[in-house]
Amino acid sequence: MRKFLLIALLPALLLGCKDRDTTGATGTTESSTESTSAPAEGNQDTGTATASDSAEGAASAQGANSQASAPASSATPPAAGVPQGYTRVPDLSEQPKRDFKEEPDFQLEEGQDYAAVVNTNRGQMVIDLHEDVPTTVNSFVWLARHKFYDGLAFHRVIEGFVVQGGDPNTLKNERNAWGTGGPGYSIPLEIRRKYNFDEKGVLGMARSQDPNSGGSQFYITLAPAPNLDGQYTVFGKVVQGLDVLDQIKKYEAPAEGEVDRMQSVYIVTKNK
């Protein structure tokens, strides 16, 4: 499994997944800029920009189908419903599906504004998705419609930096594997110069040192992180529930202790 590492003192921080021994920040990723195809295997983690020298990232393991019991998380508030003005997009699976063989076909509908509703044990967030980052948003929508994210932990939560989740391995008790899982396929880096990590609540795709190794793991910034600009795909922004981010328990796998989790993630749309 590849490790996605962030070295705090280097300018090109890697927000990655735990993978095989990848031990430094990557170089530039301009060759993948604006790309919208080419899957590869990988997991995603966000590199740490805090006290620890390196942070764990995510690798290319095939998405886990395992439904093993997960560690307990904090008290669960009642899940909120569909945000006003939106319509829920139907799920594609009755039960969570986490093992895919290839990148999904394109499914986004023209003229629709897509958003993700993320219900956590700390409350609800609504994330507006950037449809002009089509490959990444299409993959995220596909996974959410298959209930891929339901029950997964936030396995990397770093004060003042990021909240990271999306690894199916966090359903397992073996915490050394947390940060190494993915959906079974990879997607390429997509850079849009108008989107940057310039504020709290920006949604980014985690990856390994390979720019084209995005998968299911994502992160949300807790503060501006300009050193990530041009290195990681920005594909959304939290528009409701920013306060929930601050409540998510600080944690870095494979440490012991309680973690917070996504209860459900589903997709809603409205006309543009």
C-alpha atoms as a PDB file:
ATOM      1  CA  MET A   1       0.000   0.000   0.000  1.00  0.00           C
ATOM      2  CA  ARG A   2       1.296   3.442  -0.818  1.00  0.00           C
ATOM      3  CA  LYS A   3       1.589   6.071   1.863  1.00  0.00           C
ATOM      4  CA  PHE A   4       0.538   9.622   1.218  1.00  0.00           C
ATOM      5  CA  LEU A   5       2.690  11.864   3.328  1.00  0.00           C
ATOM      6  CA  LEU A   6       2.827  15.588   4.028  1.00  0.00           C
ATOM      7  CA  ILE A   7       6.076  17.066   5.160  1.00  0.00           C
ATOM      8  CA  ALA A   8       5.204  20.190   7.124  1.00  0.00           C
ATOM      9  CA  LEU A   9       8.273  22.230   6.182  1.00  0.00           C
ATOM     10  CA  LEU A  10       8.185  21.540   2.467  1.00  0.00           C
ATOM     11  CA  PRO A  11       6.267  23.907   0.199  1.00  0.00           C
ATOM     12  CA  ALA A  12       4.462  21.177  -1.738  1.00  0.00           C
ATOM     13  CA  LEU A  13       2.530  19.402   0.975  1.00  0.00           C
ATOM     14  CA  LEU A  14       1.025  16.052   0.187  1.00  0.00           C
ATOM     15  CA  LEU A  15      -2.481  15.411   1.406  1.00  0.00           C
ATOM     16  CA  GLY A  16      -2.469  11.740   0.977  1.00  0.00           C
ATOM     17  CA  CYS A  17      -3.492   8.305   1.898  1.00  0.00           C
ATOM     18  CA  LYS A  18      -1.354   5.736   3.606  1.00  0.00           C
ATOM     19  CA  ASP A  19       0.340   3.811   0.934  1.00  0.00           C
ATOM     20  CA  ARG A  20       3.555   1.979   0.409  1.00  0.00           C
ATOM     21  CA  ASP A  21       6.641   3.863   1.516  1.00  0.00           C
ATOM     22  CA  THR A  22       6.173   7.224  -0.124  1.00  0.00           C
ATOM     23  CA  THR A  23       8.194   9.501   2.044  1.00  0.00           C
ATOM     24  CA  GLY A  24       8.242  13.039   0.833  1.00  0.00           C
ATOM     25  CA  ALA A  25       6.358  15.742  -0.912  1.00  0.00           C
ATOM     26  CA  THR A  26       5.898  15.328  -4.608  1.00  0.00           C
ATOM     27  CA  GLY A  27       7.053  17.720  -7.211  1.00  0.00           C
ATOM     28  CA  THR A  28       4.727  19.741  -9.393  1.00  0.00           C
ATOM     29  CA  THR A  29       1.667  18.132 -10.863  1.00  0.00           C
ATOM     30  CA  GLU A  30       1.058  20.392 -13.822  1.00  0.00           C
ATOM     31  CA  SER A  31       1.108  17.558 -16.329  1.00  0.00           C
ATOM     32  CA  SER A  32      -2.162  16.333 -14.867  1.00  0.00           C
ATOM     33  CA  THR A  33      -3.785  19.742 -14.720  1.00  0.00           C
ATOM     34  CA  GLU A  34      -7.251  19.851 -16.270  1.00  0.00           C
ATOM     35  CA  SER A  35      -7.290  16.102 -16.899  1.00  0.00           C
ATOM     36  CA  THR A  36     -10.612  14.291 -16.569  1.00  0.00           C
ATOM     37  CA  SER A  37      -9.833  10.627 -17.059  1.00  0.00           C
ATOM     38  CA  ALA A  38      -7.466   7.717 -16.350  1.00  0.00           C
ATOM     39  CA  PRO A  39      -8.225   5.683 -13.227  1.00  0.00           C
ATOM     40  CA  ALA A  40      -5.561   4.256 -10.933  1.00  0.00           C
ATOM     41  CA  GLU A  41      -5.661   2.515  -7.613  1.00  0.00           C
ATOM     42  CA  GLY A  42      -5.067   4.438  -4.433  1.00  0.00           C
ATOM     43  CA  ASN A  43      -6.185   5.671  -1.034  1.00  0.00           C
ATOM     44  CA  GLN A  44      -6.220   9.160   0.257  1.00  0.00           C
ATOM     45  CA  ASP A  45      -4.959  10.915   3.295  1.00  0.00           C
ATOM     46  CA  THR A  46      -4.225  14.552   3.968  1.00  0.00           C
ATOM     47  CA  GLY A  47      -0.697  15.399   4.887  1.00  0.00           C
ATOM     48  CA  THR A  48      -0.124  16.976   8.235  1.00  0.00           C
ATOM     49  CA  ALA A  49       0.925  20.573   8.519  1.00  0.00           C
ATOM     50  CA  THR A  50       1.294  20.474  12.272  1.00  0.00           C
ATOM     51  CA  ALA A  51       3.673  19.279  14.956  1.00  0.00           C
ATOM     52  CA  SER A  52       4.348  15.855  13.517  1.00  0.00           C
ATOM     53  CA  ASP A  53       6.933  15.799  10.754  1.00  0.00           C
ATOM     54  CA  SER A  54       4.965  13.565   8.491  1.00  0.00           C
ATOM     55  CA  ALA A  55       1.344  12.599   8.209  1.00  0.00           C
ATOM     56  CA  GLU A  56      -0.132   9.425   6.986  1.00  0.00           C
ATOM     57  CA  GLY A  57      -1.747   9.204   3.656  1.00  0.00           C
ATOM     58  CA  ALA A  58      -3.703   6.756   1.733  1.00  0.00           C
ATOM     59  CA  ALA A  59      -2.864   4.078  -0.732  1.00  0.00           C
ATOM     60  CA  SER A  60      -4.151   1.969  -3.464  1.00  0.00           C
ATOM     61  CA  ALA A  61      -5.788  -0.965  -1.764  1.00  0.00           C
ATOM     62  CA  GLN A  62      -9.009  -2.265  -3.257  1.00  0.00           C
ATOM     63  CA  GLY A  63     -12.110  -0.874  -1.501  1.00  0.00           C
ATOM     64  CA  ALA A  64     -13.041  -2.995   1.457  1.00  0.00           C
ATOM     65  CA  ASN A  65     -16.359  -4.792   1.505  1.00  0.00           C
ATOM     66  CA  SER A  66     -15.819  -5.684   5.117  1.00  0.00           C
ATOM     67  CA  GLN A  67     -18.546  -4.656   7.535  1.00  0.00           C
ATOM     68  CA  ALA A  68     -16.512  -5.467  10.645  1.00  0.00           C
ATOM     69  CA  SER A  69     -17.540  -3.768  13.831  1.00  0.00           C
ATOM     70  CA  ALA A  70     -16.167  -0.264  14.166  1.00  0.00           C
ATOM     71  CA  PRO A  71     -14.956   1.465  17.305  1.00  0.00           C
ATOM     72  CA  ALA A  72     -17.557   3.469  19.142  1.00  0.00           C
ATOM     73  CA  SER A  73     -17.986   7.135  18.371  1.00  0.00           C
ATOM     74  CA  SER A  74     -19.481   9.946  20.346  1.00  0.00           C
ATOM     75  CA  ALA A  75     -23.179  10.503  20.957  1.00  0.00           C
ATOM     76  CA  THR A  76     -25.240  10.695  17.815  1.00  0.00           C
ATOM     77  CA  PRO A  77     -27.589  13.606  17.162  1.00  0.00           C
ATOM     78  CA  PRO A  78     -30.702  13.004  15.067  1.00  0.00           C
ATOM     79  CA  ALA A  79     -29.922  13.149  11.338  1.00  0.00           C
ATOM     80  CA  ALA A  80     -31.338  16.161   9.527  1.00  0.00           C
ATOM     81  CA  GLY A  81     -33.185  15.800   6.258  1.00  0.00           C
ATOM     82  CA  VAL A  82     -32.810  17.247   2.756  1.00  0.00           C
ATOM     83  CA  PRO A  83     -31.770  20.928   2.732  1.00  0.00           C
ATOM     84  CA  GLN A  84     -34.422  23.393   1.634  1.00  0.00           C
ATOM     85  CA  GLY A  85     -34.620  23.875  -2.120  1.00  0.00           C
ATOM     86  CA  TYR A  86     -32.906  20.570  -2.955  1.00  0.00           C
ATOM     87  CA  THR A  87     -34.184  17.187  -4.110  1.00  0.00           C
ATOM     88  CA  ARG A  88     -32.524  13.987  -3.001  1.00  0.00           C
ATOM     89  CA  VAL A  89     -30.958  11.899  -5.770  1.00  0.00           C
ATOM     90  CA  PRO A  90     -32.000   8.226  -5.475  1.00  0.00           C
ATOM     91  CA  ASP A  91     -29.468   5.783  -4.060  1.00  0.00           C
ATOM     92  CA  LEU A  92     -28.118   3.078  -6.350  1.00  0.00           C
ATOM     93  CA  SER A  93     -27.654   0.461  -3.604  1.00  0.00           C
ATOM     94  CA  GLU A  94     -29.838  -0.623  -0.716  1.00  0.00           C
ATOM     95  CA  GLN A  95     -26.749  -1.593   1.270  1.00  0.00           C
ATOM     96  CA  PRO A  96     -23.303   0.041   1.217  1.00  0.00           C
ATOM     97  CA  LYS A  97     -21.147  -1.078  -1.705  1.00  0.00           C
ATOM     98  CA  ARG A  98     -17.403  -0.539  -1.363  1.00  0.00           C
ATOM     99  CA  ASP A  99     -15.706  -2.744  -3.940  1.00  0.00           C
ATOM    100  CA  PHE A 100     -15.554  -1.454  -7.508  1.00  0.00           C
ATOM    101  CA  LYS A 101     -13.457  -2.611 -10.424  1.00  0.00           C
ATOM    102  CA  GLU A 102     -13.289   0.559 -12.505  1.00  0.00           C
ATOM    103  CA  GLU A 103     -14.067   4.248 -12.576  1.00  0.00           C
ATOM    104  CA  PRO A 104     -17.801   4.891 -13.096  1.00  0.00           C
ATOM    105  CA  ASP A 105     -19.354   6.127 -16.308  1.00  0.00           C
ATOM    106  CA  PHE A 106     -20.281   9.776 -16.382  1.00  0.00           C
ATOM    107  CA  GLN A 107     -23.639  10.382 -14.694  1.00  0.00           C
ATOM    108  CA  LEU A 108     -23.890  14.077 -13.846  1.00  0.00           C
ATOM    109  CA  GLU A 109     -26.885  15.787 -15.419  1.00  0.00           C
ATOM    110  CA  GLU A 110     -26.545  19.098 -17.227  1.00  0.00           C
ATOM    111  CA  GLY A 111     -28.171  22.067 -15.547  1.00  0.00           C
ATOM    112  CA  GLN A 112     -28.135  20.511 -12.081  1.00  0.00           C
ATOM    113  CA  ASP A 113     -26.333  21.919  -9.062  1.00  0.00           C
ATOM    114  CA  TYR A 114     -25.011  18.989  -7.024  1.00  0.00           C
ATOM    115  CA  ALA A 115     -24.399  18.958  -3.287  1.00  0.00           C
ATOM    116  CA  ALA A 116     -23.487  16.308  -0.728  1.00  0.00           C
ATOM    117  CA  VAL A 117     -25.278  16.022   2.609  1.00  0.00           C
ATOM    118  CA  VAL A 118     -22.872  14.588   5.187  1.00  0.00           C
ATOM    119  CA  ASN A 119     -24.567  13.479   8.400  1.00  0.00           C
ATOM    120  CA  THR A 120     -22.075  12.849  11.198  1.00  0.00           C
ATOM    121  CA  ASN A 121     -22.411  12.008  14.865  1.00  0.00           C
ATOM    122  CA  ARG A 122     -21.571  15.697  15.442  1.00  0.00           C
ATOM    123  CA  GLY A 123     -24.199  17.126  13.117  1.00  0.00           C
ATOM    124  CA  GLN A 124     -24.886  17.770   9.451  1.00  0.00           C
ATOM    125  CA  MET A 125     -22.769  19.446   6.780  1.00  0.00           C
ATOM    126  CA  VAL A 126     -23.895  20.404   3.288  1.00  0.00           C
ATOM    127  CA  ILE A 127     -21.115  20.574   0.696  1.00  0.00           C
ATOM    128  CA  ASP A 128     -21.653  22.304  -2.648  1.00  0.00           C
ATOM    129  CA  LEU A 129     -19.868  20.299  -5.349  1.00  0.00           C
ATOM    130  CA  HIS A 130     -18.062  21.884  -8.287  1.00  0.00           C
ATOM    131  CA  GLU A 131     -19.545  20.305 -11.428  1.00  0.00           C
ATOM    132  CA  ASP A 132     -16.779  21.865 -13.526  1.00  0.00           C
ATOM    133  CA  VAL A 133     -14.390  19.407 -11.840  1.00  0.00           C
ATOM    134  CA  PRO A 134     -16.279  16.585 -13.541  1.00  0.00           C
ATOM    135  CA  THR A 135     -14.264  13.424 -13.006  1.00  0.00           C
ATOM    136  CA  THR A 136     -13.792  13.925  -9.284  1.00  0.00           C
ATOM    137  CA  VAL A 137     -17.364  15.058  -8.626  1.00  0.00           C
ATOM    138  CA  ASN A 138     -18.778  12.257 -10.772  1.00  0.00           C
ATOM    139  CA  SER A 139     -16.799   9.675  -8.796  1.00  0.00           C
ATOM    140  CA  PHE A 140     -17.782  11.156  -5.435  1.00  0.00           C
ATOM    141  CA  VAL A 141     -21.459  11.237  -6.427  1.00  0.00           C
ATOM    142  CA  TRP A 142     -21.250   7.638  -7.636  1.00  0.00           C
ATOM    143  CA  LEU A 143     -19.735   6.433  -4.377  1.00  0.00           C
ATOM    144  CA  ALA A 144     -22.209   8.375  -2.236  1.00  0.00           C
ATOM    145  CA  ARG A 145     -25.156   6.983  -4.206  1.00  0.00           C
ATOM    146  CA  HIS A 146     -23.845   3.507  -3.394  1.00  0.00           C
ATOM    147  CA  LYS A 147     -23.683   4.445   0.334  1.00  0.00           C
ATOM    148  CA  PHE A 148     -19.914   3.964   0.211  1.00  0.00           C
ATOM    149  CA  TYR A 149     -19.243   6.546   2.934  1.00  0.00           C
ATOM    150  CA  ASP A 150     -21.915   5.474   5.412  1.00  0.00           C
ATOM    151  CA  GLY A 151     -20.297   4.560   8.729  1.00  0.00           C
ATOM    152  CA  LEU A 152     -16.727   5.509   7.787  1.00  0.00           C
ATOM    153  CA  ALA A 153     -14.508   7.299  10.303  1.00  0.00           C
ATOM    154  CA  PHE A 154     -12.689  10.597  10.152  1.00  0.00           C
ATOM    155  CA  HIS A 155      -9.302   8.967  10.554  1.00  0.00           C
ATOM    156  CA  ARG A 156      -7.114  12.049  10.324  1.00  0.00           C
ATOM    157  CA  VAL A 157      -8.236  15.244  12.025  1.00  0.00           C
ATOM    158  CA  ILE A 158      -5.486  17.796  12.588  1.00  0.00           C
ATOM    159  CA  GLU A 159      -6.063  21.005  14.514  1.00  0.00           C
ATOM    160  CA  GLY A 160      -5.971  24.034  12.211  1.00  0.00           C
ATOM    161  CA  PHE A 161      -5.383  21.934   9.105  1.00  0.00           C
ATOM    162  CA  VAL A 162      -7.844  19.292   7.866  1.00  0.00           C
ATOM    163  CA  VAL A 163     -10.553  16.769   8.638  1.00  0.00           C
ATOM    164  CA  GLN A 164      -9.989  13.652   6.522  1.00  0.00           C
ATOM    165  CA  GLY A 165     -12.154  10.599   5.893  1.00  0.00           C
ATOM    166  CA  GLY A 166     -13.421   8.234   3.237  1.00  0.00           C
ATOM    167  CA  ASP A 167     -11.358   5.095   3.884  1.00  0.00           C
ATOM    168  CA  PRO A 168     -13.440   1.885   3.976  1.00  0.00           C
ATOM    169  CA  ASN A 169     -10.729   0.267   6.087  1.00  0.00           C
ATOM    170  CA  THR A 170     -11.955   2.333   9.039  1.00  0.00           C
ATOM    171  CA  LEU A 171     -14.756  -0.219   9.373  1.00  0.00           C
ATOM    172  CA  LYS A 172     -12.089  -2.683  10.496  1.00  0.00           C
ATOM    173  CA  ASN A 173     -10.511  -2.915  13.910  1.00  0.00           C
ATOM    174  CA  GLU A 174      -6.967  -3.025  12.463  1.00  0.00           C
ATOM    175  CA  ARG A 175      -6.080   0.647  12.744  1.00  0.00           C
ATOM    176  CA  ASN A 176      -2.712   0.266  11.059  1.00  0.00           C
ATOM    177  CA  ALA A 177      -4.687  -0.129   7.833  1.00  0.00           C
ATOM    178  CA  TRP A 178      -6.659   3.063   8.331  1.00  0.00           C
ATOM    179  CA  GLY A 179      -5.733   5.538   5.619  1.00  0.00           C
ATOM    180  CA  THR A 180      -4.780   2.860   3.080  1.00  0.00           C
ATOM    181  CA  GLY A 181      -8.157   2.001   1.549  1.00  0.00           C
ATOM    182  CA  GLY A 182     -10.029   3.113  -1.527  1.00  0.00           C
ATOM    183  CA  PRO A 183     -12.826   2.188  -3.920  1.00  0.00           C
ATOM    184  CA  GLY A 184     -10.844  -0.139  -6.192  1.00  0.00           C
ATOM    185  CA  TYR A 185     -10.054   2.448  -8.879  1.00  0.00           C
ATOM    186  CA  SER A 186      -8.242   5.776  -9.119  1.00  0.00           C
ATOM    187  CA  ILE A 187      -8.988   9.123 -10.741  1.00  0.00           C
ATOM    188  CA  PRO A 188      -6.647  11.828 -12.030  1.00  0.00           C
ATOM    189  CA  LEU A 189      -5.714  15.177 -10.593  1.00  0.00           C
ATOM    190  CA  GLU A 190      -8.004  17.988 -11.777  1.00  0.00           C
ATOM    191  CA  ILE A 191      -6.754  21.522 -11.215  1.00  0.00           C
ATOM    192  CA  ARG A 192      -8.974  24.548 -11.801  1.00  0.00           C
ATOM    193  CA  ARG A 193      -7.084  27.753 -11.130  1.00  0.00           C
ATOM    194  CA  LYS A 194     -10.194  29.494  -9.839  1.00  0.00           C
ATOM    195  CA  TYR A 195     -10.476  27.027  -6.943  1.00  0.00           C
ATOM    196  CA  ASN A 196      -7.976  27.208  -4.111  1.00  0.00           C
ATOM    197  CA  PHE A 197      -7.557  26.166  -0.489  1.00  0.00           C
ATOM    198  CA  ASP A 198      -8.070  29.760   0.574  1.00  0.00           C
ATOM    199  CA  GLU A 199     -10.524  29.350   3.454  1.00  0.00           C
ATOM    200  CA  LYS A 200     -12.038  27.004   5.964  1.00  0.00           C
ATOM    201  CA  GLY A 201     -14.418  24.400   4.543  1.00  0.00           C
ATOM    202  CA  VAL A 202     -12.761  23.680   1.185  1.00  0.00           C
ATOM    203  CA  LEU A 203     -13.209  20.078  -0.006  1.00  0.00           C
ATOM    204  CA  GLY A 204     -10.138  18.414  -1.504  1.00  0.00           C
ATOM    205  CA  MET A 205      -9.319  14.975  -2.892  1.00  0.00           C
ATOM    206  CA  ALA A 206      -6.570  13.125  -1.045  1.00  0.00           C
ATOM    207  CA  ARG A 207      -3.965  11.196  -3.021  1.00  0.00           C
ATOM    208  CA  SER A 208      -0.515   9.621  -2.896  1.00  0.00           C
ATOM    209  CA  GLN A 209       2.634  11.017  -4.469  1.00  0.00           C
ATOM    210  CA  ASP A 210       1.194   9.954  -7.795  1.00  0.00           C
ATOM    211  CA  PRO A 211      -0.939  12.936  -8.877  1.00  0.00           C
ATOM    212  CA  ASN A 212      -3.409  10.598 -10.568  1.00  0.00           C
ATOM    213  CA  SER A 213      -4.156   8.455  -7.520  1.00  0.00           C
ATOM    214  CA  GLY A 214      -7.362   9.992  -6.171  1.00  0.00           C
ATOM    215  CA  GLY A 215      -9.966   7.552  -4.923  1.00  0.00           C
ATOM    216  CA  SER A 216     -12.491   7.821  -2.111  1.00  0.00           C
ATOM    217  CA  GLN A 217     -10.572   9.646   0.603  1.00  0.00           C
ATOM    218  CA  PHE A 218     -11.215  13.366   0.907  1.00  0.00           C
ATOM    219  CA  TYR A 219     -10.397  16.164   3.303  1.00  0.00           C
ATOM    220  CA  ILE A 220     -11.982  19.442   4.370  1.00  0.00           C
ATOM    221  CA  THR A 221      -9.775  22.348   5.417  1.00  0.00           C
ATOM    222  CA  LEU A 222     -10.053  23.809   8.905  1.00  0.00           C
ATOM    223  CA  ALA A 223      -8.189  26.958   7.852  1.00  0.00           C
ATOM    224  CA  PRO A 224      -6.656  28.420   4.685  1.00  0.00           C
ATOM    225  CA  ALA A 225      -3.924  26.129   3.294  1.00  0.00           C
ATOM    226  CA  PRO A 226      -2.398  27.961   0.291  1.00  0.00           C
ATOM    227  CA  ASN A 227       0.588  25.590   0.218  1.00  0.00           C
ATOM    228  CA  LEU A 228      -1.807  22.953  -1.172  1.00  0.00           C
ATOM    229  CA  ASP A 229      -2.907  25.062  -4.127  1.00  0.00           C
ATOM    230  CA  GLY A 230      -2.157  23.439  -7.473  1.00  0.00           C
ATOM    231  CA  GLN A 231      -1.212  20.153  -5.806  1.00  0.00           C
ATOM    232  CA  TYR A 232      -4.616  18.668  -4.931  1.00  0.00           C
ATOM    233  CA  THR A 233      -8.018  18.688  -6.573  1.00  0.00           C
ATOM    234  CA  VAL A 234     -10.506  21.154  -5.098  1.00  0.00           C
ATOM    235  CA  PHE A 235     -14.022  19.901  -5.804  1.00  0.00           C
ATOM    236  CA  GLY A 236     -16.380  21.502  -3.318  1.00  0.00           C
ATOM    237  CA  LYS A 237     -17.027  23.789  -0.381  1.00  0.00           C
ATOM    238  CA  VAL A 238     -18.994  23.475   2.854  1.00  0.00           C
ATOM    239  CA  VAL A 239     -21.996  25.820   2.648  1.00  0.00           C
ATOM    240  CA  GLN A 240     -23.858  24.661   5.770  1.00  0.00           C
ATOM    241  CA  GLY A 241     -22.502  23.220   9.000  1.00  0.00           C
ATOM    242  CA  LEU A 242     -19.050  24.789   9.198  1.00  0.00           C
ATOM    243  CA  ASP A 243     -19.388  24.660  12.977  1.00  0.00           C
ATOM    244  CA  VAL A 244     -19.614  20.863  12.756  1.00  0.00           C
ATOM    245  CA  LEU A 245     -16.035  20.721  11.453  1.00  0.00           C
ATOM    246  CA  ASP A 246     -14.722  22.225  14.679  1.00  0.00           C
ATOM    247  CA  GLN A 247     -16.540  19.621  16.755  1.00  0.00           C
ATOM    248  CA  ILE A 248     -15.064  16.573  14.997  1.00  0.00           C
ATOM    249  CA  LYS A 249     -12.664  14.833  17.362  1.00  0.00           C
ATOM    250  CA  LYS A 250      -8.966  15.425  16.733  1.00  0.00           C
ATOM    251  CA  TYR A 251      -7.413  12.083  15.878  1.00  0.00           C
ATOM    252  CA  GLU A 252      -4.656  10.517  13.782  1.00  0.00           C
ATOM    253  CA  ALA A 253      -4.647   6.823  12.946  1.00  0.00           C
ATOM    254  CA  PRO A 254      -3.445   4.367  14.171  1.00  0.00           C
ATOM    255  CA  ALA A 255      -3.861   5.865  17.640  1.00  0.00           C
ATOM    256  CA  GLU A 256      -6.332   4.297  20.032  1.00  0.00           C
ATOM    257  CA  GLY A 257      -9.355   6.162  21.260  1.00  0.00           C
ATOM    258  CA  GLU A 258     -12.732   7.340  20.093  1.00  0.00           C
ATOM    259  CA  VAL A 259     -13.297   8.581  16.557  1.00  0.00           C
ATOM    260  CA  ASP A 260     -16.127  10.452  14.934  1.00  0.00           C
ATOM    261  CA  ARG A 261     -17.910   9.008  11.922  1.00  0.00           C
ATOM    262  CA  MET A 262     -20.108   9.756   8.970  1.00  0.00           C
ATOM    263  CA  GLN A 263     -23.514   8.259   9.571  1.00  0.00           C
ATOM    264  CA  SER A 264     -24.676   8.801   6.003  1.00  0.00           C
ATOM    265  CA  VAL A 265     -23.660  10.711   2.898  1.00  0.00           C
ATOM    266  CA  TYR A 266     -26.181  11.303   0.146  1.00  0.00           C
ATOM    267  CA  ILE A 267     -26.507  13.517  -2.907  1.00  0.00           C
ATOM    268  CA  VAL A 268     -29.036  16.298  -3.513  1.00  0.00           C
ATOM    269  CA  THR A 269     -29.593  18.571  -6.511  1.00  0.00           C
ATOM    270  CA  LYS A 270     -31.376  21.731  -7.525  1.00  0.00           C
ATOM    271  CA  ASN A 271     -31.731  23.561 -10.818  1.00  0.00           C
ATOM    272  CA  LYS A 272     -28.929  25.997 -11.608  1.00  0.00           C
END
